[in-house]
């Protein structure tokens, strides 16, 4: 089994990366993802990781 975060960070499509994480965590609504993820998905892995981290933090706050 591959690491879900690694798989999402490697993904060239932001929507697909979000779906990978949402499916793995059982997140049903994409409201936080739509708000946090940019329309342009960066090519830099560090930028992608930071975006995913910010999104997951916002998701936690949204669900709390």
PDB file of N, CA and C in Angstrom:
ATOM      1  N   UNK A   1       0.850  -1.182   0.000  1.00  0.00           N
ATOM      2  CA  UNK A   1       0.000   0.000   0.000  1.00  0.00           C
ATOM      3  C   UNK A   1       0.891   1.239   0.000  1.00  0.00           C
ATOM      4  N   UNK A   2       0.585   2.176  -0.883  1.00  0.00           N
ATOM      5  CA  UNK A   2       1.382   3.394  -0.963  1.00  0.00           C
ATOM      6  C   UNK A   2       0.912   4.402   0.074  1.00  0.00           C
ATOM      7  N   UNK A   3       1.783   5.302   0.417  1.00  0.00           N
ATOM      8  CA  UNK A   3       1.463   6.377   1.327  1.00  0.00           C
ATOM      9  C   UNK A   3       0.509   7.335   0.616  1.00  0.00           C
ATOM     10  N   UNK A   4      -0.631   7.597   1.228  1.00  0.00           N
ATOM     11  CA  UNK A   4      -1.672   8.424   0.604  1.00  0.00           C
ATOM     12  C   UNK A   4      -1.188   9.852   0.376  1.00  0.00           C
ATOM     13  N   UNK A   5      -0.507  10.436   1.364  1.00  0.00           N
ATOM     14  CA  UNK A   5      -0.008  11.802   1.186  1.00  0.00           C
ATOM     15  C   UNK A   5       1.028  11.870   0.065  1.00  0.00           C
ATOM     16  N   UNK A   6       1.897  10.894   0.019  1.00  0.00           N
ATOM     17  CA  UNK A   6       2.904  10.860  -1.044  1.00  0.00           C
ATOM     18  C   UNK A   6       2.235  10.739  -2.404  1.00  0.00           C
ATOM     19  N   UNK A   7       1.228   9.913  -2.480  1.00  0.00           N
ATOM     20  CA  UNK A   7       0.501   9.728  -3.737  1.00  0.00           C
ATOM     21  C   UNK A   7      -0.173  11.032  -4.161  1.00  0.00           C
ATOM     22  N   UNK A   8      -0.777  11.755  -3.213  1.00  0.00           N
ATOM     23  CA  UNK A   8      -1.443  13.021  -3.526  1.00  0.00           C
ATOM     24  C   UNK A   8      -0.432  14.087  -3.939  1.00  0.00           C
ATOM     25  N   UNK A   9       0.703  14.141  -3.265  1.00  0.00           N
ATOM     26  CA  UNK A   9       1.724  15.133  -3.599  1.00  0.00           C
ATOM     27  C   UNK A   9       2.312  14.868  -4.978  1.00  0.00           C
ATOM     28  N   UNK A  10       2.458  13.618  -5.351  1.00  0.00           N
ATOM     29  CA  UNK A  10       2.994  13.268  -6.669  1.00  0.00           C
ATOM     30  C   UNK A  10       2.007  13.549  -7.794  1.00  0.00           C
ATOM     31  N   UNK A  11       0.737  13.631  -7.473  1.00  0.00           N
ATOM     32  CA  UNK A  11      -0.314  13.788  -8.477  1.00  0.00           C
ATOM     33  C   UNK A  11      -0.178  15.136  -9.201  1.00  0.00           C
ATOM     34  N   UNK A  12      -0.327  15.128 -10.516  1.00  0.00           N
ATOM     35  CA  UNK A  12      -0.219  16.348 -11.316  1.00  0.00           C
ATOM     36  C   UNK A  12      -1.518  17.135 -11.400  1.00  0.00           C
ATOM     37  N   UNK A  13      -2.575  16.634 -10.797  1.00  0.00           N
ATOM     38  CA  UNK A  13      -3.893  17.262 -10.861  1.00  0.00           C
ATOM     39  C   UNK A  13      -4.399  17.503  -9.435  1.00  0.00           C
ATOM     40  N   UNK A  14      -4.663  18.757  -9.103  1.00  0.00           N
ATOM     41  CA  UNK A  14      -5.107  19.108  -7.762  1.00  0.00           C
ATOM     42  C   UNK A  14      -6.426  18.462  -7.374  1.00  0.00           C
ATOM     43  N   UNK A  15      -7.361  18.385  -8.316  1.00  0.00           N
ATOM     44  CA  UNK A  15      -8.650  17.754  -8.026  1.00  0.00           C
ATOM     45  C   UNK A  15      -8.477  16.269  -7.717  1.00  0.00           C
ATOM     46  N   UNK A  16      -7.620  15.628  -8.464  1.00  0.00           N
ATOM     47  CA  UNK A  16      -7.348  14.207  -8.230  1.00  0.00           C
ATOM     48  C   UNK A  16      -6.643  14.008  -6.892  1.00  0.00           C
ATOM     49  N   UNK A  17      -5.709  14.881  -6.562  1.00  0.00           N
ATOM     50  CA  UNK A  17      -5.013  14.801  -5.274  1.00  0.00           C
ATOM     51  C   UNK A  17      -6.006  14.941  -4.119  1.00  0.00           C
ATOM     52  N   UNK A  18      -6.926  15.883  -4.255  1.00  0.00           N
ATOM     53  CA  UNK A  18      -7.948  16.073  -3.214  1.00  0.00           C
ATOM     54  C   UNK A  18      -8.828  14.835  -3.095  1.00  0.00           C
ATOM     55  N   UNK A  19      -9.212  14.259  -4.207  1.00  0.00           N
ATOM     56  CA  UNK A  19     -10.076  13.071  -4.194  1.00  0.00           C
ATOM     57  C   UNK A  19      -9.365  11.891  -3.535  1.00  0.00           C
ATOM     58  N   UNK A  20      -8.066  11.740  -3.772  1.00  0.00           N
ATOM     59  CA  UNK A  20      -7.292  10.660  -3.150  1.00  0.00           C
ATOM     60  C   UNK A  20      -7.372  10.772  -1.632  1.00  0.00           C
ATOM     61  N   UNK A  21      -7.134  11.970  -1.130  1.00  0.00           N
ATOM     62  CA  UNK A  21      -7.141  12.183   0.318  1.00  0.00           C
ATOM     63  C   UNK A  21      -8.556  12.086   0.875  1.00  0.00           C
ATOM     64  N   UNK A  22      -9.509  12.676   0.188  1.00  0.00           N
ATOM     65  CA  UNK A  22     -10.897  12.637   0.661  1.00  0.00           C
ATOM     66  C   UNK A  22     -11.403  11.198   0.758  1.00  0.00           C
ATOM     67  N   UNK A  23     -11.106  10.395  -0.242  1.00  0.00           N
ATOM     68  CA  UNK A  23     -11.528   8.996  -0.219  1.00  0.00           C
ATOM     69  C   UNK A  23     -10.862   8.229   0.924  1.00  0.00           C
ATOM     70  N   UNK A  24      -9.571   8.478   1.126  1.00  0.00           N
ATOM     71  CA  UNK A  24      -8.841   7.772   2.178  1.00  0.00           C
ATOM     72  C   UNK A  24      -9.335   8.141   3.570  1.00  0.00           C
ATOM     73  N   UNK A  25      -9.716   9.409   3.759  1.00  0.00           N
ATOM     74  CA  UNK A  25     -10.138   9.879   5.084  1.00  0.00           C
ATOM     75  C   UNK A  25     -11.654   9.848   5.275  1.00  0.00           C
ATOM     76  N   UNK A  26     -12.380   9.531   4.231  1.00  0.00           N
ATOM     77  CA  UNK A  26     -13.835   9.484   4.341  1.00  0.00           C
ATOM     78  C   UNK A  26     -14.471  10.862   4.402  1.00  0.00           C
ATOM     79  N   UNK A  27     -13.819  11.857   3.823  1.00  0.00           N
ATOM     80  CA  UNK A  27     -14.359  13.219   3.787  1.00  0.00           C
ATOM     81  C   UNK A  27     -15.394  13.276   2.673  1.00  0.00           C
ATOM     82  N   UNK A  28     -16.612  13.642   3.024  1.00  0.00           N
ATOM     83  CA  UNK A  28     -17.698  13.613   2.045  1.00  0.00           C
ATOM     84  C   UNK A  28     -17.899  14.936   1.323  1.00  0.00           C
ATOM     85  N   UNK A  29     -17.678  16.037   1.998  1.00  0.00           N
ATOM     86  CA  UNK A  29     -17.906  17.340   1.381  1.00  0.00           C
ATOM     87  C   UNK A  29     -16.587  17.934   0.906  1.00  0.00           C
ATOM     88  N   UNK A  30     -16.633  18.624  -0.214  1.00  0.00           N
ATOM     89  CA  UNK A  30     -15.415  19.228  -0.747  1.00  0.00           C
ATOM     90  C   UNK A  30     -15.386  20.738  -0.546  1.00  0.00           C
ATOM     91  N   UNK A  31     -16.181  21.254   0.408  1.00  0.00           N
ATOM     92  CA  UNK A  31     -16.226  22.695   0.649  1.00  0.00           C
ATOM     93  C   UNK A  31     -14.869  23.260   1.028  1.00  0.00           C
ATOM     94  N   UNK A  32     -14.191  22.640   1.985  1.00  0.00           N
ATOM     95  CA  UNK A  32     -12.881  23.134   2.412  1.00  0.00           C
ATOM     96  C   UNK A  32     -11.861  22.986   1.292  1.00  0.00           C
ATOM     97  N   UNK A  33     -11.920  21.887   0.559  1.00  0.00           N
ATOM     98  CA  UNK A  33     -10.991  21.677  -0.553  1.00  0.00           C
ATOM     99  C   UNK A  33     -11.189  22.749  -1.620  1.00  0.00           C
ATOM    100  N   UNK A  34     -12.434  23.043  -1.958  1.00  0.00           N
ATOM    101  CA  UNK A  34     -12.712  24.062  -2.967  1.00  0.00           C
ATOM    102  C   UNK A  34     -12.195  25.424  -2.538  1.00  0.00           C
ATOM    103  N   UNK A  35     -12.244  25.700  -1.243  1.00  0.00           N
ATOM    104  CA  UNK A  35     -11.794  26.979  -0.716  1.00  0.00           C
ATOM    105  C   UNK A  35     -10.270  27.052  -0.652  1.00  0.00           C
ATOM    106  N   UNK A  36      -9.610  25.957  -0.316  1.00  0.00           N
ATOM    107  CA  UNK A  36      -8.164  25.964  -0.040  1.00  0.00           C
ATOM    108  C   UNK A  36      -7.280  25.618  -1.230  1.00  0.00           C
ATOM    109  N   UNK A  37      -7.760  24.789  -2.122  1.00  0.00           N
ATOM    110  CA  UNK A  37      -6.912  24.341  -3.222  1.00  0.00           C
ATOM    111  C   UNK A  37      -6.982  25.320  -4.393  1.00  0.00           C
ATOM    112  N   UNK A  38      -5.825  25.680  -4.930  1.00  0.00           N
ATOM    113  CA  UNK A  38      -5.813  26.627  -6.054  1.00  0.00           C
ATOM    114  C   UNK A  38      -6.273  25.962  -7.345  1.00  0.00           C
ATOM    115  N   UNK A  39      -6.735  26.771  -8.284  1.00  0.00           N
ATOM    116  CA  UNK A  39      -7.109  26.227  -9.584  1.00  0.00           C
ATOM    117  C   UNK A  39      -5.884  25.755 -10.343  1.00  0.00           C
ATOM    118  N   UNK A  40      -4.776  26.464 -10.155  1.00  0.00           N
ATOM    119  CA  UNK A  40      -3.512  26.060 -10.775  1.00  0.00           C
ATOM    120  C   UNK A  40      -2.752  25.198  -9.777  1.00  0.00           C
ATOM    121  N   UNK A  41      -2.486  23.962 -10.117  1.00  0.00           N
ATOM    122  CA  UNK A  41      -1.770  23.030  -9.249  1.00  0.00           C
ATOM    123  C   UNK A  41      -0.282  23.164  -9.553  1.00  0.00           C
ATOM    124  N   UNK A  42       0.525  23.553  -8.552  1.00  0.00           N
ATOM    125  CA  UNK A  42       1.944  23.800  -8.818  1.00  0.00           C
ATOM    126  C   UNK A  42       2.715  22.532  -9.200  1.00  0.00           C
ATOM    127  N   UNK A  43       3.809  22.725  -9.888  1.00  0.00           N
ATOM    128  CA  UNK A  43       4.653  21.597 -10.257  1.00  0.00           C
ATOM    129  C   UNK A  43       5.633  21.248  -9.144  1.00  0.00           C
ATOM    130  N   UNK A  44       5.900  22.187  -8.256  1.00  0.00           N
ATOM    131  CA  UNK A  44       6.845  21.976  -7.158  1.00  0.00           C
ATOM    132  C   UNK A  44       6.196  21.130  -6.056  1.00  0.00           C
ATOM    133  N   UNK A  45       6.862  20.034  -5.691  1.00  0.00           N
ATOM    134  CA  UNK A  45       6.323  19.119  -4.679  1.00  0.00           C
ATOM    135  C   UNK A  45       6.193  19.778  -3.314  1.00  0.00           C
ATOM    136  N   UNK A  46       7.130  20.648  -2.953  1.00  0.00           N
ATOM    137  CA  UNK A  46       7.061  21.325  -1.655  1.00  0.00           C
ATOM    138  C   UNK A  46       5.851  22.248  -1.590  1.00  0.00           C
ATOM    139  N   UNK A  47       5.559  22.937  -2.670  1.00  0.00           N
ATOM    140  CA  UNK A  47       4.371  23.792  -2.723  1.00  0.00           C
ATOM    141  C   UNK A  47       3.107  22.950  -2.615  1.00  0.00           C
ATOM    142  N   UNK A  48       3.075  21.823  -3.303  1.00  0.00           N
ATOM    143  CA  UNK A  48       1.919  20.930  -3.227  1.00  0.00           C
ATOM    144  C   UNK A  48       1.720  20.439  -1.795  1.00  0.00           C
ATOM    145  N   UNK A  49       2.808  20.042  -1.149  1.00  0.00           N
ATOM    146  CA  UNK A  49       2.732  19.550   0.233  1.00  0.00           C
ATOM    147  C   UNK A  49       2.203  20.636   1.162  1.00  0.00           C
ATOM    148  N   UNK A  50       2.666  21.868   0.991  1.00  0.00           N
ATOM    149  CA  UNK A  50       2.193  22.972   1.830  1.00  0.00           C
ATOM    150  C   UNK A  50       0.711  23.244   1.596  1.00  0.00           C
ATOM    151  N   UNK A  51       0.278  23.184   0.358  1.00  0.00           N
ATOM    152  CA  UNK A  51      -1.137  23.405   0.035  1.00  0.00           C
ATOM    153  C   UNK A  51      -1.995  22.314   0.668  1.00  0.00           C
ATOM    154  N   UNK A  52      -1.560  21.068   0.551  1.00  0.00           N
ATOM    155  CA  UNK A  52      -2.318  19.958   1.150  1.00  0.00           C
ATOM    156  C   UNK A  52      -2.361  20.094   2.662  1.00  0.00           C
ATOM    157  N   UNK A  53      -1.237  20.485   3.271  1.00  0.00           N
ATOM    158  CA  UNK A  53      -1.204  20.673   4.728  1.00  0.00           C
ATOM    159  C   UNK A  53      -2.173  21.768   5.161  1.00  0.00           C
ATOM    160  N   UNK A  54      -2.185  22.877   4.445  1.00  0.00           N
ATOM    161  CA  UNK A  54      -3.115  23.972   4.772  1.00  0.00           C
ATOM    162  C   UNK A  54      -4.557  23.531   4.608  1.00  0.00           C
ATOM    163  N   UNK A  55      -4.829  22.773   3.558  1.00  0.00           N
ATOM    164  CA  UNK A  55      -6.186  22.284   3.331  1.00  0.00           C
ATOM    165  C   UNK A  55      -6.629  21.354   4.460  1.00  0.00           C
ATOM    166  N   UNK A  56      -5.762  20.418   4.848  1.00  0.00           N
ATOM    167  CA  UNK A  56      -6.129  19.486   5.917  1.00  0.00           C
ATOM    168  C   UNK A  56      -6.339  20.211   7.245  1.00  0.00           C
ATOM    169  N   UNK A  57      -5.540  21.251   7.512  1.00  0.00           N
ATOM    170  CA  UNK A  57      -5.746  22.049   8.722  1.00  0.00           C
ATOM    171  C   UNK A  57      -7.108  22.740   8.661  1.00  0.00           C
ATOM    172  N   UNK A  58      -7.450  23.300   7.519  1.00  0.00           N
ATOM    173  CA  UNK A  58      -8.746  23.954   7.363  1.00  0.00           C
ATOM    174  C   UNK A  58      -9.880  22.928   7.493  1.00  0.00           C
ATOM    175  N   UNK A  59      -9.658  21.727   6.992  1.00  0.00           N
ATOM    176  CA  UNK A  59     -10.660  20.662   7.084  1.00  0.00           C
ATOM    177  C   UNK A  59     -10.933  20.322   8.538  1.00  0.00           C
ATOM    178  N   UNK A  60      -9.880  20.235   9.339  1.00  0.00           N
ATOM    179  CA  UNK A  60     -10.031  19.943  10.765  1.00  0.00           C
ATOM    180  C   UNK A  60     -10.838  21.056  11.440  1.00  0.00           C
ATOM    181  N   UNK A  61     -10.519  22.284  11.127  1.00  0.00           N
ATOM    182  CA  UNK A  61     -11.245  23.417  11.727  1.00  0.00           C
ATOM    183  C   UNK A  61     -12.695  23.425  11.255  1.00  0.00           C
ATOM    184  N   UNK A  62     -12.940  23.076   9.997  1.00  0.00           N
ATOM    185  CA  UNK A  62     -14.292  23.050   9.446  1.00  0.00           C
ATOM    186  C   UNK A  62     -15.142  21.979  10.125  1.00  0.00           C
ATOM    187  N   UNK A  63     -14.529  20.836  10.421  1.00  0.00           N
ATOM    188  CA  UNK A  63     -15.265  19.718  11.008  1.00  0.00           C
ATOM    189  C   UNK A  63     -15.428  19.840  12.523  1.00  0.00           C
ATOM    190  N   UNK A  64     -14.612  20.672  13.144  1.00  0.00           N
ATOM    191  CA  UNK A  64     -14.664  20.797  14.613  1.00  0.00           C
ATOM    192  C   UNK A  64     -15.866  21.553  15.106  1.00  0.00           C
TER     193      UNK A  64
END
